[in-house]
Amino acid sequence: YQRRVAAIPPGGALLVTIHRQGPKNAELSNLTLT
């Protein structure tokens, strides 16, 4: 429990979800978040 609580980011978490056609297009390194 203590390990899980310590792993929570203090500012929360941003979850990015993508759906793409084809396995090669669902590559997260193509995305830049600003």
All heavy atoms as atom14 arrays in JSON, in Angstrom:
{
  "sequence": "YQRRVAAIPPGGALLVTIHRQGPKNAELSNLTLT",
  "atom14_mask": [
    [1, 1, 1, 1, 1, 1, 1, 1, 1, 1, 1, 1, 0, 0],
    [1, 1, 1, 1, 1, 1, 1, 1, 1, 0, 0, 0, 0, 0],
    [1, 1, 1, 1, 1, 1, 1, 1, 1, 1, 1, 0, 0, 0],
    [1, 1, 1, 1, 1, 1, 1, 1, 1, 1, 1, 0, 0, 0],
    [1, 1, 1, 1, 1, 1, 1, 0, 0, 0, 0, 0, 0, 0],
    [1, 1, 1, 1, 1, 0, 0, 0, 0, 0, 0, 0, 0, 0],
    [1, 1, 1, 1, 1, 0, 0, 0, 0, 0, 0, 0, 0, 0],
    [1, 1, 1, 1, 1, 1, 1, 1, 0, 0, 0, 0, 0, 0],
    [1, 1, 1, 1, 1, 1, 1, 0, 0, 0, 0, 0, 0, 0],
    [1, 1, 1, 1, 1, 1, 1, 0, 0, 0, 0, 0, 0, 0],
    [1, 1, 1, 1, 0, 0, 0, 0, 0, 0, 0, 0, 0, 0],
    [1, 1, 1, 1, 0, 0, 0, 0, 0, 0, 0, 0, 0, 0],
    [1, 1, 1, 1, 1, 0, 0, 0, 0, 0, 0, 0, 0, 0],
    [1, 1, 1, 1, 1, 1, 1, 1, 0, 0, 0, 0, 0, 0],
    [1, 1, 1, 1, 1, 1, 1, 1, 0, 0, 0, 0, 0, 0],
    [1, 1, 1, 1, 1, 1, 1, 0, 0, 0, 0, 0, 0, 0],
    [1, 1, 1, 1, 1, 1, 1, 0, 0, 0, 0, 0, 0, 0],
    [1, 1, 1, 1, 1, 1, 1, 1, 0, 0, 0, 0, 0, 0],
    [1, 1, 1, 1, 1, 1, 1, 1, 1, 1, 0, 0, 0, 0],
    [1, 1, 1, 1, 1, 1, 1, 1, 1, 1, 1, 0, 0, 0],
    [1, 1, 1, 1, 1, 1, 1, 1, 1, 0, 0, 0, 0, 0],
    [1, 1, 1, 1, 0, 0, 0, 0, 0, 0, 0, 0, 0, 0],
    [1, 1, 1, 1, 1, 1, 1, 0, 0, 0, 0, 0, 0, 0],
    [1, 1, 1, 1, 1, 1, 1, 1, 1, 0, 0, 0, 0, 0],
    [1, 1, 1, 1, 1, 1, 1, 1, 0, 0, 0, 0, 0, 0],
    [1, 1, 1, 1, 1, 0, 0, 0, 0, 0, 0, 0, 0, 0],
    [1, 1, 1, 1, 1, 1, 1, 1, 1, 0, 0, 0, 0, 0],
    [1, 1, 1, 1, 1, 1, 1, 1, 0, 0, 0, 0, 0, 0],
    [1, 1, 1, 1, 1, 1, 0, 0, 0, 0, 0, 0, 0, 0],
    [1, 1, 1, 1, 1, 1, 1, 1, 0, 0, 0, 0, 0, 0],
    [1, 1, 1, 1, 1, 1, 1, 1, 0, 0, 0, 0, 0, 0],
    [1, 1, 1, 1, 1, 1, 1, 0, 0, 0, 0, 0, 0, 0],
    [1, 1, 1, 1, 1, 1, 1, 1, 0, 0, 0, 0, 0, 0],
    [1, 1, 1, 1, 1, 1, 1, 0, 0, 0, 0, 0, 0, 0]
  ],
  "atom14_positions": [
    [[0.83, -1.2, 0.0], [0.0, 0.0, 0.0], [0.87, 1.25, 0.0], [0.63, 2.2, -0.77], [-0.93, -0.02, 1.22], [-1.67, 1.27, 1.42], [-2.72, 1.62, 0.58], [-1.33, 2.15, 2.45], [-3.41, 2.81, 0.76], [-2.0, 3.33, 2.64], [-3.04, 3.67, 1.79], [-3.71, 4.85, 1.98], [0.0, 0.0, 0.0], [0.0, 0.0, 0.0]],
    [[1.89, 1.29, 0.85], [2.76, 2.46, 0.92], [3.5, 2.68, -0.39], [3.7, 3.81, -0.82], [3.74, 2.3, 2.08], [3.07, 2.39, 3.43], [3.98, 1.94, 4.56], [5.11, 1.52, 4.34], [3.46, 2.02, 5.78], [0.0, 0.0, 0.0], [0.0, 0.0, 0.0], [0.0, 0.0, 0.0], [0.0, 0.0, 0.0], [0.0, 0.0, 0.0]],
    [[3.92, 1.59, -1.03], [4.61, 1.7, -2.31], [3.67, 2.27, -3.37], [4.07, 3.12, -4.17], [5.15, 0.33, -2.71], [6.09, 0.38, -3.89], [6.72, -0.97, -4.18], [5.71, -1.97, -4.51], [5.48, -3.09, -3.84], [6.2, -3.38, -2.77], [4.55, -3.94, -4.22], [0.0, 0.0, 0.0], [0.0, 0.0, 0.0], [0.0, 0.0, 0.0]],
    [[2.41, 1.82, -3.38], [1.44, 2.31, -4.36], [1.12, 3.79, -4.14], [1.01, 4.56, -5.08], [0.14, 1.49, -4.28], [0.28, 0.08, -4.76], [0.34, 0.03, -6.27], [0.45, -1.32, -6.74], [-0.46, -1.94, -7.47], [-1.55, -1.31, -7.84], [-0.26, -3.17, -7.87], [0.0, 0.0, 0.0], [0.0, 0.0, 0.0], [0.0, 0.0, 0.0]],
    [[0.96, 4.18, -2.88], [0.67, 5.59, -2.58], [1.87, 6.47, -2.94], [1.71, 7.56, -3.49], [0.29, 5.76, -1.09], [0.25, 7.23, -0.69], [-1.06, 5.11, -0.83], [0.0, 0.0, 0.0], [0.0, 0.0, 0.0], [0.0, 0.0, 0.0], [0.0, 0.0, 0.0], [0.0, 0.0, 0.0], [0.0, 0.0, 0.0], [0.0, 0.0, 0.0]],
    [[3.08, 6.0, -2.69], [4.28, 6.78, -3.03], [4.45, 6.92, -4.53], [5.06, 7.88, -5.01], [5.51, 6.12, -2.42], [0.0, 0.0, 0.0], [0.0, 0.0, 0.0], [0.0, 0.0, 0.0], [0.0, 0.0, 0.0], [0.0, 0.0, 0.0], [0.0, 0.0, 0.0], [0.0, 0.0, 0.0], [0.0, 0.0, 0.0], [0.0, 0.0, 0.0]],
    [[3.9, 5.98, -5.31], [4.05, 6.03, -6.77], [3.04, 6.97, -7.44], [3.17, 7.25, -8.64], [3.9, 4.62, -7.35], [0.0, 0.0, 0.0], [0.0, 0.0, 0.0], [0.0, 0.0, 0.0], [0.0, 0.0, 0.0], [0.0, 0.0, 0.0], [0.0, 0.0, 0.0], [0.0, 0.0, 0.0], [0.0, 0.0, 0.0], [0.0, 0.0, 0.0]],
    [[2.06, 7.47, -6.69], [1.07, 8.38, -7.27], [1.73, 9.73, -7.53], [2.3, 10.32, -6.62], [-0.15, 8.55, -6.33], [-0.86, 7.23, -6.13], [-1.11, 9.59, -6.9], [-1.98, 7.29, -5.12], [0.0, 0.0, 0.0], [0.0, 0.0, 0.0], [0.0, 0.0, 0.0], [0.0, 0.0, 0.0], [0.0, 0.0, 0.0], [0.0, 0.0, 0.0]],
    [[1.65, 10.24, -8.77], [2.24, 11.56, -9.04], [1.48, 12.66, -8.29], [0.26, 12.63, -8.24], [2.07, 11.74, -10.56], [1.53, 10.47, -11.09], [1.08, 9.63, -9.95], [0.0, 0.0, 0.0], [0.0, 0.0, 0.0], [0.0, 0.0, 0.0], [0.0, 0.0, 0.0], [0.0, 0.0, 0.0], [0.0, 0.0, 0.0], [0.0, 0.0, 0.0]],
    [[2.18, 13.62, -7.7], [1.51, 14.65, -6.89], [0.56, 15.53, -7.69], [-0.39, 16.08, -7.15], [2.66, 15.46, -6.3], [3.86, 15.1, -7.08], [3.63, 13.77, -7.7], [0.0, 0.0, 0.0], [0.0, 0.0, 0.0], [0.0, 0.0, 0.0], [0.0, 0.0, 0.0], [0.0, 0.0, 0.0], [0.0, 0.0, 0.0], [0.0, 0.0, 0.0]],
    [[0.78, 15.66, -8.98], [-0.09, 16.49, -9.81], [-1.15, 15.7, -10.54], [-1.87, 16.23, -11.37], [0.0, 0.0, 0.0], [0.0, 0.0, 0.0], [0.0, 0.0, 0.0], [0.0, 0.0, 0.0], [0.0, 0.0, 0.0], [0.0, 0.0, 0.0], [0.0, 0.0, 0.0], [0.0, 0.0, 0.0], [0.0, 0.0, 0.0], [0.0, 0.0, 0.0]],
    [[-1.24, 14.41, -10.27], [-2.19, 13.57, -10.99], [-1.54, 12.96, -12.23], [-0.32, 13.0, -12.39], [0.0, 0.0, 0.0], [0.0, 0.0, 0.0], [0.0, 0.0, 0.0], [0.0, 0.0, 0.0], [0.0, 0.0, 0.0], [0.0, 0.0, 0.0], [0.0, 0.0, 0.0], [0.0, 0.0, 0.0], [0.0, 0.0, 0.0], [0.0, 0.0, 0.0]],
    [[-2.37, 12.4, -13.1], [-1.85, 11.74, -14.3], [-2.69, 12.11, -15.51], [-3.91, 12.27, -15.41], [-1.85, 10.23, -14.11], [0.0, 0.0, 0.0], [0.0, 0.0, 0.0], [0.0, 0.0, 0.0], [0.0, 0.0, 0.0], [0.0, 0.0, 0.0], [0.0, 0.0, 0.0], [0.0, 0.0, 0.0], [0.0, 0.0, 0.0], [0.0, 0.0, 0.0]],
    [[-2.03, 12.26, -16.63], [-2.68, 12.53, -17.91], [-2.65, 11.23, -18.71], [-1.58, 10.65, -18.92], [-1.91, 13.63, -18.64], [-2.61, 14.36, -19.76], [-3.82, 15.1, -19.24], [-1.66, 15.35, -20.41], [0.0, 0.0, 0.0], [0.0, 0.0, 0.0], [0.0, 0.0, 0.0], [0.0, 0.0, 0.0], [0.0, 0.0, 0.0], [0.0, 0.0, 0.0]],
    [[-3.8, 10.76, -19.13], [-3.9, 9.5, -19.86], [-4.17, 9.8, -21.33], [-5.17, 10.44, -21.66], [-5.02, 8.63, -19.28], [-5.22, 7.27, -19.94], [-4.04, 6.37, -19.64], [-6.5, 6.63, -19.45], [0.0, 0.0, 0.0], [0.0, 0.0, 0.0], [0.0, 0.0, 0.0], [0.0, 0.0, 0.0], [0.0, 0.0, 0.0], [0.0, 0.0, 0.0]],
    [[-3.29, 9.36, -22.21], [-3.43, 9.55, -23.66], [-3.84, 8.21, -24.27], [-3.17, 7.21, -24.07], [-2.12, 10.05, -24.29], [-2.27, 10.21, -25.79], [-1.67, 11.35, -23.66], [0.0, 0.0, 0.0], [0.0, 0.0, 0.0], [0.0, 0.0, 0.0], [0.0, 0.0, 0.0], [0.0, 0.0, 0.0], [0.0, 0.0, 0.0], [0.0, 0.0, 0.0]],
    [[-4.94, 8.21, -25.02], [-5.44, 7.0, -25.68], [-5.59, 7.29, -27.17], [-6.18, 8.31, -27.53], [-6.82, 6.6, -25.11], [-6.71, 6.46, -23.7], [-7.29, 5.3, -25.72], [0.0, 0.0, 0.0], [0.0, 0.0, 0.0], [0.0, 0.0, 0.0], [0.0, 0.0, 0.0], [0.0, 0.0, 0.0], [0.0, 0.0, 0.0], [0.0, 0.0, 0.0]],
    [[-5.06, 6.4, -28.01], [-5.23, 6.56, -29.46], [-5.78, 5.27, -30.05], [-5.52, 4.18, -29.55], [-3.91, 6.95, -30.17], [-2.86, 5.85, -30.04], [-3.38, 8.26, -29.65], [-1.65, 6.06, -30.92], [0.0, 0.0, 0.0], [0.0, 0.0, 0.0], [0.0, 0.0, 0.0], [0.0, 0.0, 0.0], [0.0, 0.0, 0.0], [0.0, 0.0, 0.0]],
    [[-6.56, 5.41, -31.1], [-7.01, 4.3, -31.92], [-6.55, 4.61, -33.34], [-6.85, 5.67, -33.87], [-8.54, 4.17, -31.91], [-9.1, 3.84, -30.57], [-10.45, 3.82, -30.32], [-8.51, 3.51, -29.4], [-10.66, 3.5, -29.07], [-9.5, 3.32, -28.48], [0.0, 0.0, 0.0], [0.0, 0.0, 0.0], [0.0, 0.0, 0.0], [0.0, 0.0, 0.0]],
    [[-5.83, 3.68, -33.94], [-5.33, 3.88, -35.3], [-5.56, 2.61, -36.11], [-5.66, 1.51, -35.57], [-3.82, 4.18, -35.29], [-3.44, 5.45, -34.56], [-3.84, 6.69, -35.33], [-3.3, 7.89, -34.76], [-3.94, 8.67, -33.91], [-5.16, 8.37, -33.51], [-3.37, 9.76, -33.43], [0.0, 0.0, 0.0], [0.0, 0.0, 0.0], [0.0, 0.0, 0.0]],
    [[-5.6, 2.78, -37.43], [-5.74, 1.63, -38.31], [-4.37, 1.02, -38.55], [-3.42, 1.72, -38.9], [-6.35, 2.04, -39.65], [-7.82, 2.38, -39.54], [-8.42, 2.8, -40.86], [-7.71, 3.17, -41.79], [-9.74, 2.76, -40.94], [0.0, 0.0, 0.0], [0.0, 0.0, 0.0], [0.0, 0.0, 0.0], [0.0, 0.0, 0.0], [0.0, 0.0, 0.0]],
    [[-4.26, -0.28, -38.36], [-3.0, -0.99, -38.59], [-2.1, -0.94, -37.37], [-2.05, 0.06, -36.66], [0.0, 0.0, 0.0], [0.0, 0.0, 0.0], [0.0, 0.0, 0.0], [0.0, 0.0, 0.0], [0.0, 0.0, 0.0], [0.0, 0.0, 0.0], [0.0, 0.0, 0.0], [0.0, 0.0, 0.0], [0.0, 0.0, 0.0], [0.0, 0.0, 0.0]],
    [[-1.35, -2.01, -37.12], [-0.51, -2.07, -35.92], [0.65, -1.08, -35.94], [1.07, -0.6, -34.9], [-0.01, -3.51, -35.91], [-0.14, -3.99, -37.31], [-1.3, -3.24, -37.9], [0.0, 0.0, 0.0], [0.0, 0.0, 0.0], [0.0, 0.0, 0.0], [0.0, 0.0, 0.0], [0.0, 0.0, 0.0], [0.0, 0.0, 0.0], [0.0, 0.0, 0.0]],
    [[1.18, -0.75, -37.11], [2.32, 0.17, -37.17], [1.91, 1.62, -36.93], [2.74, 2.44, -36.55], [3.02, 0.06, -38.53], [3.69, -1.28, -38.73], [4.38, -1.34, -40.06], [5.02, -2.71, -40.25], [5.61, -2.86, -41.56], [0.0, 0.0, 0.0], [0.0, 0.0, 0.0], [0.0, 0.0, 0.0], [0.0, 0.0, 0.0], [0.0, 0.0, 0.0]],
    [[0.64, 1.94, -37.16], [0.18, 3.32, -36.98], [-0.12, 3.66, -35.52], [-0.2, 4.82, -35.16], [-1.06, 3.57, -37.84], [-0.73, 3.52, -39.3], [0.38, 3.82, -39.71], [-1.69, 3.1, -40.11], [0.0, 0.0, 0.0], [0.0, 0.0, 0.0], [0.0, 0.0, 0.0], [0.0, 0.0, 0.0], [0.0, 0.0, 0.0], [0.0, 0.0, 0.0]],
    [[-0.31, 2.64, -34.68], [-0.6, 2.87, -33.26], [0.7, 2.99, -32.47], [0.85, 2.44, -31.39], [-1.45, 1.74, -32.71], [0.0, 0.0, 0.0], [0.0, 0.0, 0.0], [0.0, 0.0, 0.0], [0.0, 0.0, 0.0], [0.0, 0.0, 0.0], [0.0, 0.0, 0.0], [0.0, 0.0, 0.0], [0.0, 0.0, 0.0], [0.0, 0.0, 0.0]],
    [[1.62, 3.75, -32.99], [2.93, 3.95, -32.36], [2.9, 5.26, -31.59], [2.69, 6.34, -32.17], [4.02, 3.98, -33.44], [5.4, 4.28, -32.92], [5.87, 3.26, -31.9], [5.78, 2.06, -32.17], [6.32, 3.69, -30.83], [0.0, 0.0, 0.0], [0.0, 0.0, 0.0], [0.0, 0.0, 0.0], [0.0, 0.0, 0.0], [0.0, 0.0, 0.0]],
    [[3.09, 5.19, -30.28], [2.98, 6.38, -29.43], [4.11, 7.38, -29.65], [3.96, 8.55, -29.34], [2.93, 5.96, -27.97], [1.63, 5.28, -27.55], [1.77, 4.67, -26.17], [0.48, 6.25, -27.58], [0.0, 0.0, 0.0], [0.0, 0.0, 0.0], [0.0, 0.0, 0.0], [0.0, 0.0, 0.0], [0.0, 0.0, 0.0], [0.0, 0.0, 0.0]],
    [[5.24, 6.94, -30.17], [6.36, 7.87, -30.38], [6.08, 8.86, -31.49], [6.83, 9.82, -31.68], [7.65, 7.11, -30.66], [7.53, 6.38, -31.86], [0.0, 0.0, 0.0], [0.0, 0.0, 0.0], [0.0, 0.0, 0.0], [0.0, 0.0, 0.0], [0.0, 0.0, 0.0], [0.0, 0.0, 0.0], [0.0, 0.0, 0.0], [0.0, 0.0, 0.0]],
    [[4.98, 8.69, -32.25], [4.59, 9.67, -33.26], [3.92, 10.89, -32.64], [3.7, 11.89, -33.32], [3.62, 9.05, -34.28], [4.27, 7.99, -35.12], [5.47, 8.02, -35.37], [3.49, 7.03, -35.57], [0.0, 0.0, 0.0], [0.0, 0.0, 0.0], [0.0, 0.0, 0.0], [0.0, 0.0, 0.0], [0.0, 0.0, 0.0], [0.0, 0.0, 0.0]],
    [[3.56, 10.8, -31.37], [2.8, 11.87, -30.71], [3.71, 12.79, -29.9], [4.6, 12.33, -29.19], [1.75, 11.28, -29.78], [0.73, 10.33, -30.4], [-0.21, 9.82, -29.33], [-0.03, 11.0, -31.51], [0.0, 0.0, 0.0], [0.0, 0.0, 0.0], [0.0, 0.0, 0.0], [0.0, 0.0, 0.0], [0.0, 0.0, 0.0], [0.0, 0.0, 0.0]],
    [[3.43, 14.1, -30.02], [4.11, 15.09, -29.21], [3.03, 15.85, -28.43], [2.12, 16.41, -29.02], [4.92, 16.07, -30.07], [5.87, 15.33, -30.82], [5.64, 17.09, -29.21], [0.0, 0.0, 0.0], [0.0, 0.0, 0.0], [0.0, 0.0, 0.0], [0.0, 0.0, 0.0], [0.0, 0.0, 0.0], [0.0, 0.0, 0.0], [0.0, 0.0, 0.0]],
    [[3.16, 15.85, -27.13], [2.18, 16.48, -26.25], [2.72, 17.83, -25.79], [3.86, 17.91, -25.32], [1.94, 15.57, -25.04], [0.99, 16.08, -23.99], [-0.44, 15.78, -24.41], [1.28, 15.42, -22.67], [0.0, 0.0, 0.0], [0.0, 0.0, 0.0], [0.0, 0.0, 0.0], [0.0, 0.0, 0.0], [0.0, 0.0, 0.0], [0.0, 0.0, 0.0]],
    [[1.92, 18.88, -25.94], [2.31, 20.22, -25.5], [1.19, 20.78, -24.63], [0.04, 20.83, -25.06], [2.53, 21.15, -26.7], [3.47, 20.55, -27.59], [3.06, 22.5, -26.26], [0.0, 0.0, 0.0], [0.0, 0.0, 0.0], [0.0, 0.0, 0.0], [0.0, 0.0, 0.0], [0.0, 0.0, 0.0], [0.0, 0.0, 0.0], [0.0, 0.0, 0.0]]
  ]
}
